[in-house]
Amino acid sequence: MKKPASIIKITFESKKPFARLEEEFSKVEELKRALVEGNRRTIENLLGYPETSIESSLEGRVLEETEWWESLPQREKEDLLQEGVLDFINFPLSKAHWQEELEVARRRQAKIKEKAMKLYSEILEQKPKVAMSKKGRKEQEKREIEKNKARSCKAC
């Protein structure tokens, strides 16, 4: 007996998420190998770093976070903080391409906001450390440690 076309279509389309999972598991395995081998380029690529950031990182041409932040005009700092984009940067910014790399972070921010609003909100709850003084960073880290201790005690 032949399957109706609609069942074939549903069956075919229902396999798409599984193909995506298989692809993701493959990336996890590739990341494990890269970590064992110490292959920084592959690690950074799999973590979604922009190519310009990877190249600059390997060549030692990245911006020092606090120095970069302090060099920005006050208005730009305020705009970046208001926008929340700093929370979505997980890679070093390069000296030559940091504006383009901020665009990568903005696209990430928009995608996370669209697909995972709860995660998006949780990310925005954390103040970006680059925008803090050393004292502010230490205080934030202390609060994070206390928060994690409280969470682990609840699991007990």
N, C-alpha and C. Protein backbone atom coordinates (compact mmCIF):
# COMPACT_ATOMS: atom_id res chain seq x y z
N MET A 1 0.84 -1.18 0.00
CA MET A 1 0.00 0.00 0.00
C MET A 1 0.89 1.25 0.00
N LYS A 2 0.59 2.19 -0.85
CA LYS A 2 1.36 3.43 -0.97
C LYS A 2 0.93 4.42 0.11
N LYS A 3 1.92 5.13 0.64
CA LYS A 3 1.61 6.19 1.61
C LYS A 3 1.09 7.40 0.86
N PRO A 4 0.08 8.06 1.41
CA PRO A 4 -0.38 9.31 0.80
C PRO A 4 0.74 10.35 0.84
N ALA A 5 0.75 11.23 -0.14
CA ALA A 5 1.80 12.26 -0.25
C ALA A 5 1.89 13.10 1.01
N SER A 6 0.75 13.40 1.65
CA SER A 6 0.79 14.24 2.85
C SER A 6 1.54 13.55 3.99
N ILE A 7 1.42 12.25 4.13
CA ILE A 7 2.14 11.52 5.18
C ILE A 7 3.63 11.50 4.87
N ILE A 8 3.95 11.31 3.60
CA ILE A 8 5.36 11.32 3.21
C ILE A 8 5.96 12.68 3.52
N LYS A 9 5.22 13.75 3.20
CA LYS A 9 5.71 15.10 3.46
C LYS A 9 5.91 15.32 4.96
N ILE A 10 4.95 14.93 5.76
CA ILE A 10 5.06 15.11 7.21
C ILE A 10 6.24 14.31 7.75
N THR A 11 6.40 13.07 7.29
CA THR A 11 7.50 12.23 7.74
C THR A 11 8.83 12.86 7.37
N PHE A 12 8.93 13.35 6.14
CA PHE A 12 10.17 13.97 5.69
C PHE A 12 10.47 15.22 6.52
N GLU A 13 9.46 16.07 6.69
CA GLU A 13 9.68 17.31 7.43
C GLU A 13 9.96 17.06 8.90
N SER A 14 9.41 15.99 9.46
CA SER A 14 9.64 15.72 10.88
C SER A 14 11.08 15.25 11.13
N LYS A 15 11.79 14.85 10.10
CA LYS A 15 13.18 14.43 10.26
C LYS A 15 14.15 15.61 10.29
N LYS A 16 13.68 16.78 9.86
CA LYS A 16 14.56 17.95 9.82
C LYS A 16 15.16 18.29 11.18
N PRO A 17 14.36 18.31 12.26
CA PRO A 17 14.97 18.62 13.57
C PRO A 17 16.02 17.59 13.97
N PHE A 18 15.82 16.33 13.61
CA PHE A 18 16.78 15.30 13.96
C PHE A 18 18.08 15.49 13.18
N ALA A 19 17.96 15.90 11.93
CA ALA A 19 19.16 16.18 11.14
C ALA A 19 19.92 17.34 11.76
N ARG A 20 19.20 18.33 12.26
CA ARG A 20 19.82 19.49 12.91
C ARG A 20 20.54 19.06 14.19
N LEU A 21 19.90 18.18 14.96
CA LEU A 21 20.53 17.66 16.18
C LEU A 21 21.81 16.90 15.86
N GLU A 22 21.75 16.09 14.83
CA GLU A 22 22.92 15.31 14.42
C GLU A 22 24.07 16.26 14.05
N GLU A 23 23.73 17.33 13.35
CA GLU A 23 24.74 18.33 12.98
C GLU A 23 25.33 18.98 14.22
N GLU A 24 24.48 19.29 15.21
CA GLU A 24 24.96 19.92 16.44
C GLU A 24 25.85 18.96 17.23
N PHE A 25 25.46 17.69 17.32
CA PHE A 25 26.30 16.70 18.02
C PHE A 25 27.65 16.57 17.33
N SER A 26 27.66 16.65 16.02
CA SER A 26 28.90 16.59 15.26
C SER A 26 29.80 17.77 15.63
N LYS A 27 29.21 18.94 15.78
CA LYS A 27 29.98 20.13 16.17
C LYS A 27 30.54 19.98 17.58
N VAL A 28 29.76 19.38 18.47
CA VAL A 28 30.23 19.17 19.83
C VAL A 28 31.45 18.24 19.82
N GLU A 29 31.38 17.18 19.03
CA GLU A 29 32.51 16.26 18.92
C GLU A 29 33.73 16.96 18.34
N GLU A 30 33.51 17.80 17.33
CA GLU A 30 34.60 18.56 16.73
C GLU A 30 35.21 19.52 17.76
N LEU A 31 34.37 20.13 18.58
CA LEU A 31 34.85 21.03 19.62
C LEU A 31 35.68 20.25 20.65
N LYS A 32 35.22 19.08 21.05
CA LYS A 32 35.99 18.24 21.99
C LYS A 32 37.39 17.95 21.44
N ARG A 33 37.44 17.54 20.15
CA ARG A 33 38.74 17.26 19.53
C ARG A 33 39.63 18.50 19.53
N ALA A 34 39.06 19.63 19.16
CA ALA A 34 39.83 20.87 19.10
C ALA A 34 40.36 21.26 20.47
N LEU A 35 39.56 21.04 21.52
CA LEU A 35 40.01 21.34 22.87
C LEU A 35 41.17 20.45 23.29
N VAL A 36 41.07 19.16 22.97
CA VAL A 36 42.14 18.22 23.29
C VAL A 36 43.41 18.59 22.54
N GLU A 37 43.26 18.96 21.27
CA GLU A 37 44.41 19.29 20.42
C GLU A 37 44.92 20.71 20.67
N GLY A 38 44.13 21.52 21.34
CA GLY A 38 44.53 22.91 21.56
C GLY A 38 44.44 23.74 20.29
N ASN A 39 43.53 23.38 19.39
CA ASN A 39 43.37 24.09 18.12
C ASN A 39 42.48 25.32 18.33
N ARG A 40 43.12 26.42 18.64
CA ARG A 40 42.41 27.64 18.99
C ARG A 40 41.50 28.16 17.88
N ARG A 41 41.99 28.12 16.64
CA ARG A 41 41.20 28.61 15.51
C ARG A 41 39.88 27.84 15.41
N THR A 42 39.93 26.53 15.49
CA THR A 42 38.72 25.71 15.40
C THR A 42 37.80 25.97 16.58
N ILE A 43 38.36 26.07 17.77
CA ILE A 43 37.56 26.34 18.97
C ILE A 43 36.80 27.65 18.80
N GLU A 44 37.51 28.70 18.44
CA GLU A 44 36.88 30.01 18.31
C GLU A 44 35.86 30.02 17.17
N ASN A 45 36.16 29.31 16.10
CA ASN A 45 35.21 29.22 14.98
C ASN A 45 33.93 28.52 15.43
N LEU A 46 34.07 27.40 16.13
CA LEU A 46 32.89 26.65 16.59
C LEU A 46 32.09 27.42 17.65
N LEU A 47 32.76 28.30 18.37
CA LEU A 47 32.06 29.12 19.37
C LEU A 47 31.40 30.34 18.73
N GLY A 48 31.55 30.49 17.43
CA GLY A 48 30.87 31.55 16.71
C GLY A 48 31.59 32.88 16.66
N TYR A 49 32.89 32.87 16.92
CA TYR A 49 33.65 34.11 16.82
C TYR A 49 33.68 34.56 15.37
N PRO A 50 33.59 35.86 15.12
CA PRO A 50 33.75 36.35 13.75
C PRO A 50 35.19 36.08 13.27
N GLU A 51 35.35 35.87 12.00
CA GLU A 51 36.67 35.56 11.43
C GLU A 51 37.69 36.67 11.76
N THR A 52 37.24 37.93 11.71
CA THR A 52 38.16 39.03 12.02
C THR A 52 38.65 38.96 13.47
N SER A 53 37.79 38.53 14.36
CA SER A 53 38.18 38.37 15.76
C SER A 53 39.18 37.22 15.92
N ILE A 54 38.91 36.13 15.22
CA ILE A 54 39.81 34.96 15.29
C ILE A 54 41.20 35.35 14.80
N GLU A 55 41.26 35.96 13.63
CA GLU A 55 42.55 36.36 13.06
C GLU A 55 43.30 37.30 14.00
N SER A 56 42.62 38.31 14.50
CA SER A 56 43.25 39.28 15.40
C SER A 56 43.70 38.63 16.69
N SER A 57 42.89 37.72 17.19
CA SER A 57 43.23 37.02 18.43
C SER A 57 44.50 36.19 18.25
N LEU A 58 44.57 35.48 17.14
CA LEU A 58 45.75 34.65 16.88
C LEU A 58 47.01 35.49 16.66
N GLU A 59 46.82 36.70 16.14
CA GLU A 59 47.95 37.57 15.86
C GLU A 59 48.22 38.57 16.99
N GLY A 60 47.42 38.50 18.06
CA GLY A 60 47.62 39.38 19.21
C GLY A 60 47.23 40.83 18.94
N ARG A 61 46.25 41.05 18.07
CA ARG A 61 45.82 42.41 17.74
C ARG A 61 44.38 42.64 18.19
N VAL A 62 44.11 42.36 19.47
CA VAL A 62 42.76 42.56 19.99
C VAL A 62 42.74 43.76 20.92
N LEU A 63 41.57 44.32 21.08
CA LEU A 63 41.40 45.46 21.98
C LEU A 63 41.38 44.99 23.42
N GLU A 64 42.02 45.72 24.28
CA GLU A 64 41.93 45.45 25.70
C GLU A 64 40.60 46.06 26.14
N GLU A 65 39.74 45.26 26.77
CA GLU A 65 38.36 45.65 27.07
C GLU A 65 38.21 47.02 27.73
N THR A 66 38.84 47.18 28.86
CA THR A 66 38.61 48.42 29.60
C THR A 66 39.22 49.61 28.87
N GLU A 67 40.35 49.41 28.22
CA GLU A 67 40.97 50.50 27.46
C GLU A 67 40.05 50.94 26.32
N TRP A 68 39.47 49.96 25.63
CA TRP A 68 38.53 50.25 24.54
C TRP A 68 37.33 51.03 25.08
N TRP A 69 36.78 50.52 26.18
CA TRP A 69 35.59 51.14 26.75
C TRP A 69 35.87 52.58 27.16
N GLU A 70 37.00 52.78 27.80
CA GLU A 70 37.35 54.12 28.28
C GLU A 70 37.61 55.08 27.12
N SER A 71 37.99 54.57 25.95
CA SER A 71 38.29 55.44 24.81
C SER A 71 37.03 55.89 24.07
N LEU A 72 35.90 55.26 24.36
CA LEU A 72 34.66 55.63 23.67
C LEU A 72 34.09 56.94 24.20
N PRO A 73 33.47 57.72 23.33
CA PRO A 73 32.78 58.92 23.81
C PRO A 73 31.62 58.53 24.74
N GLN A 74 31.31 59.36 25.70
CA GLN A 74 30.28 59.06 26.70
C GLN A 74 28.96 58.69 26.04
N ARG A 75 28.58 59.41 25.01
CA ARG A 75 27.30 59.15 24.32
C ARG A 75 27.26 57.74 23.74
N GLU A 76 28.38 57.31 23.15
CA GLU A 76 28.44 55.96 22.58
C GLU A 76 28.36 54.89 23.68
N LYS A 77 29.00 55.15 24.81
CA LYS A 77 28.91 54.22 25.95
C LYS A 77 27.45 54.08 26.38
N GLU A 78 26.78 55.22 26.52
CA GLU A 78 25.38 55.20 26.95
C GLU A 78 24.51 54.44 25.96
N ASP A 79 24.75 54.67 24.67
CA ASP A 79 23.97 53.97 23.63
C ASP A 79 24.20 52.46 23.70
N LEU A 80 25.46 52.05 23.85
CA LEU A 80 25.77 50.62 23.91
C LEU A 80 25.14 49.96 25.14
N LEU A 81 25.18 50.66 26.26
CA LEU A 81 24.57 50.12 27.49
C LEU A 81 23.06 50.03 27.34
N GLN A 82 22.46 51.06 26.78
CA GLN A 82 21.00 51.07 26.58
C GLN A 82 20.58 49.94 25.64
N GLU A 83 21.36 49.76 24.59
CA GLU A 83 21.07 48.73 23.59
C GLU A 83 21.23 47.32 24.14
N GLY A 84 22.15 47.15 25.09
CA GLY A 84 22.37 45.84 25.69
C GLY A 84 23.27 44.93 24.89
N VAL A 85 23.87 45.42 23.82
CA VAL A 85 24.66 44.57 22.92
C VAL A 85 25.92 44.02 23.58
N LEU A 86 26.46 44.74 24.57
CA LEU A 86 27.70 44.28 25.21
C LEU A 86 27.52 42.92 25.87
N ASP A 87 26.30 42.62 26.27
CA ASP A 87 26.03 41.33 26.92
C ASP A 87 26.11 40.16 25.94
N PHE A 88 26.17 40.43 24.66
CA PHE A 88 26.14 39.38 23.65
C PHE A 88 27.47 39.21 22.93
N ILE A 89 28.50 39.82 23.48
CA ILE A 89 29.85 39.68 22.91
C ILE A 89 30.57 38.61 23.73
N ASN A 90 30.92 37.51 23.08
CA ASN A 90 31.64 36.43 23.78
C ASN A 90 33.00 36.20 23.13
N PHE A 91 33.49 37.20 22.43
CA PHE A 91 34.75 37.07 21.72
C PHE A 91 35.54 38.37 21.86
N PRO A 92 36.86 38.31 21.69
CA PRO A 92 37.63 39.55 21.77
C PRO A 92 37.37 40.42 20.54
N LEU A 93 37.27 41.71 20.76
CA LEU A 93 37.10 42.64 19.64
C LEU A 93 38.47 42.97 19.06
N SER A 94 38.54 42.99 17.74
CA SER A 94 39.80 43.31 17.09
C SER A 94 39.98 44.81 16.98
N LYS A 95 41.22 45.24 16.91
CA LYS A 95 41.51 46.66 16.82
C LYS A 95 40.98 47.25 15.51
N ALA A 96 41.07 46.49 14.43
CA ALA A 96 40.71 47.02 13.11
C ALA A 96 39.24 46.85 12.74
N HIS A 97 38.56 45.89 13.36
CA HIS A 97 37.20 45.56 12.90
C HIS A 97 36.16 45.52 14.01
N TRP A 98 36.39 46.23 15.11
CA TRP A 98 35.48 46.10 16.24
C TRP A 98 34.06 46.56 15.93
N GLN A 99 33.91 47.55 15.04
CA GLN A 99 32.56 48.00 14.71
C GLN A 99 31.78 46.89 14.00
N GLU A 100 32.44 46.19 13.07
CA GLU A 100 31.80 45.08 12.35
C GLU A 100 31.47 43.94 13.33
N GLU A 101 32.35 43.71 14.27
CA GLU A 101 32.15 42.65 15.25
C GLU A 101 30.99 42.98 16.19
N LEU A 102 30.81 44.26 16.46
CA LEU A 102 29.63 44.67 17.24
C LEU A 102 28.34 44.33 16.48
N GLU A 103 28.39 44.43 15.16
CA GLU A 103 27.23 44.07 14.34
C GLU A 103 26.92 42.58 14.46
N VAL A 104 27.96 41.75 14.56
CA VAL A 104 27.76 40.31 14.78
C VAL A 104 27.02 40.10 16.09
N ALA A 105 27.46 40.82 17.13
CA ALA A 105 26.81 40.71 18.44
C ALA A 105 25.36 41.21 18.37
N ARG A 106 25.12 42.25 17.60
CA ARG A 106 23.75 42.76 17.45
C ARG A 106 22.84 41.73 16.77
N ARG A 107 23.37 41.06 15.76
CA ARG A 107 22.57 40.01 15.09
C ARG A 107 22.27 38.87 16.06
N ARG A 108 23.26 38.49 16.87
CA ARG A 108 23.05 37.46 17.90
C ARG A 108 21.97 37.89 18.87
N GLN A 109 22.08 39.12 19.31
CA GLN A 109 21.13 39.66 20.27
C GLN A 109 19.71 39.57 19.69
N ALA A 110 19.54 39.98 18.45
CA ALA A 110 18.21 39.96 17.82
C ALA A 110 17.69 38.53 17.67
N LYS A 111 18.57 37.61 17.31
CA LYS A 111 18.16 36.21 17.13
C LYS A 111 17.74 35.58 18.47
N ILE A 112 18.52 35.82 19.51
CA ILE A 112 18.18 35.28 20.83
C ILE A 112 16.87 35.89 21.32
N LYS A 113 16.70 37.18 21.11
CA LYS A 113 15.46 37.85 21.52
C LYS A 113 14.27 37.23 20.80
N GLU A 114 14.44 36.94 19.52
CA GLU A 114 13.35 36.36 18.72
C GLU A 114 13.05 34.92 19.12
N LYS A 115 14.08 34.13 19.36
CA LYS A 115 13.90 32.68 19.56
C LYS A 115 13.81 32.24 21.01
N ALA A 116 14.40 33.01 21.94
CA ALA A 116 14.47 32.56 23.33
C ALA A 116 14.37 33.75 24.28
N MET A 117 13.18 34.27 24.43
CA MET A 117 12.98 35.49 25.21
C MET A 117 13.41 35.35 26.67
N LYS A 118 13.19 34.19 27.27
CA LYS A 118 13.58 33.99 28.67
C LYS A 118 15.11 34.09 28.80
N LEU A 119 15.83 33.42 27.92
CA LEU A 119 17.29 33.50 27.93
C LEU A 119 17.74 34.93 27.69
N TYR A 120 17.11 35.61 26.76
CA TYR A 120 17.42 37.00 26.45
C TYR A 120 17.30 37.86 27.71
N SER A 121 16.22 37.70 28.44
CA SER A 121 16.01 38.47 29.67
C SER A 121 17.06 38.17 30.72
N GLU A 122 17.42 36.90 30.84
CA GLU A 122 18.44 36.51 31.82
C GLU A 122 19.79 37.12 31.47
N ILE A 123 20.11 37.15 30.19
CA ILE A 123 21.38 37.74 29.76
C ILE A 123 21.40 39.22 30.09
N LEU A 124 20.30 39.91 29.83
CA LEU A 124 20.26 41.36 30.07
C LEU A 124 20.28 41.73 31.55
N GLU A 125 19.95 40.79 32.42
CA GLU A 125 19.99 41.06 33.86
C GLU A 125 21.41 41.29 34.34
N GLN A 126 22.37 40.74 33.62
CA GLN A 126 23.76 40.88 34.03
C GLN A 126 24.35 42.14 33.40
N LYS A 127 24.92 42.97 34.21
CA LYS A 127 25.56 44.18 33.69
C LYS A 127 26.89 43.77 33.04
N PRO A 128 27.16 44.28 31.85
CA PRO A 128 28.42 43.91 31.20
C PRO A 128 29.63 44.37 32.02
N LYS A 129 30.55 43.47 32.25
CA LYS A 129 31.70 43.77 33.09
C LYS A 129 32.60 44.83 32.48
N VAL A 130 32.62 44.93 31.16
CA VAL A 130 33.47 45.93 30.52
C VAL A 130 33.06 47.34 30.95
N ALA A 131 31.80 47.52 31.28
CA ALA A 131 31.29 48.84 31.64
C ALA A 131 31.44 49.14 33.13
N MET A 132 32.12 48.26 33.85
CA MET A 132 32.26 48.44 35.29
C MET A 132 33.68 48.86 35.65
N SER A 133 33.78 49.51 36.77
CA SER A 133 35.10 49.80 37.33
C SER A 133 35.63 48.48 37.90
N LYS A 134 36.91 48.46 38.26
CA LYS A 134 37.47 47.25 38.88
C LYS A 134 36.70 46.90 40.15
N LYS A 135 36.38 47.92 40.94
CA LYS A 135 35.63 47.70 42.17
C LYS A 135 34.24 47.13 41.85
N GLY A 136 33.60 47.69 40.82
CA GLY A 136 32.29 47.21 40.41
C GLY A 136 32.33 45.77 39.93
N ARG A 137 33.40 45.42 39.19
CA ARG A 137 33.55 44.04 38.72
C ARG A 137 33.69 43.07 39.89
N LYS A 138 34.54 43.46 40.86
CA LYS A 138 34.74 42.59 42.03
C LYS A 138 33.43 42.40 42.80
N GLU A 139 32.68 43.48 42.96
CA GLU A 139 31.40 43.38 43.66
C GLU A 139 30.42 42.50 42.89
N GLN A 140 30.38 42.65 41.57
CA GLN A 140 29.50 41.83 40.74
C GLN A 140 29.89 40.36 40.83
N GLU A 141 31.19 40.08 40.75
CA GLU A 141 31.66 38.70 40.85
C GLU A 141 31.30 38.10 42.21
N LYS A 142 31.42 38.91 43.25
CA LYS A 142 31.06 38.44 44.60
C LYS A 142 29.57 38.10 44.66
N ARG A 143 28.71 38.97 44.07
CA ARG A 143 27.27 38.70 44.04
C ARG A 143 26.97 37.43 43.26
N GLU A 144 27.69 37.23 42.14
CA GLU A 144 27.48 36.03 41.33
C GLU A 144 27.86 34.77 42.10
N ILE A 145 28.95 34.84 42.85
CA ILE A 145 29.38 33.68 43.67
C ILE A 145 28.32 33.38 44.72
N GLU A 146 27.83 34.41 45.39
CA GLU A 146 26.79 34.23 46.41
C GLU A 146 25.52 33.65 45.79
N LYS A 147 25.15 34.14 44.63
CA LYS A 147 23.97 33.65 43.93
C LYS A 147 24.12 32.19 43.57
N ASN A 148 25.30 31.80 43.09
CA ASN A 148 25.55 30.41 42.73
C ASN A 148 25.55 29.51 43.96
N LYS A 149 26.08 30.02 45.08
CA LYS A 149 26.06 29.25 46.33
C LYS A 149 24.62 29.01 46.78
N ALA A 150 23.80 30.05 46.67
CA ALA A 150 22.39 29.94 47.07
C ALA A 150 21.66 28.92 46.20
N ARG A 151 21.96 28.93 44.90
CA ARG A 151 21.35 27.96 43.98
C ARG A 151 21.76 26.54 44.33
N SER A 152 23.07 26.36 44.61
CA SER A 152 23.54 25.01 44.91
C SER A 152 23.00 24.51 46.24
N CYS A 153 22.77 25.42 47.19
CA CYS A 153 22.17 25.02 48.47
C CYS A 153 20.72 24.57 48.28
N LYS A 154 20.00 25.19 47.36
CA LYS A 154 18.62 24.80 47.08
C LYS A 154 18.57 23.39 46.51
N ALA A 155 19.61 23.01 45.77
CA ALA A 155 19.67 21.68 45.16
C ALA A 155 19.98 20.61 46.20
N CYS A 156 20.51 21.02 47.36
CA CYS A 156 20.88 20.05 48.42
C CYS A 156 19.68 19.39 49.02
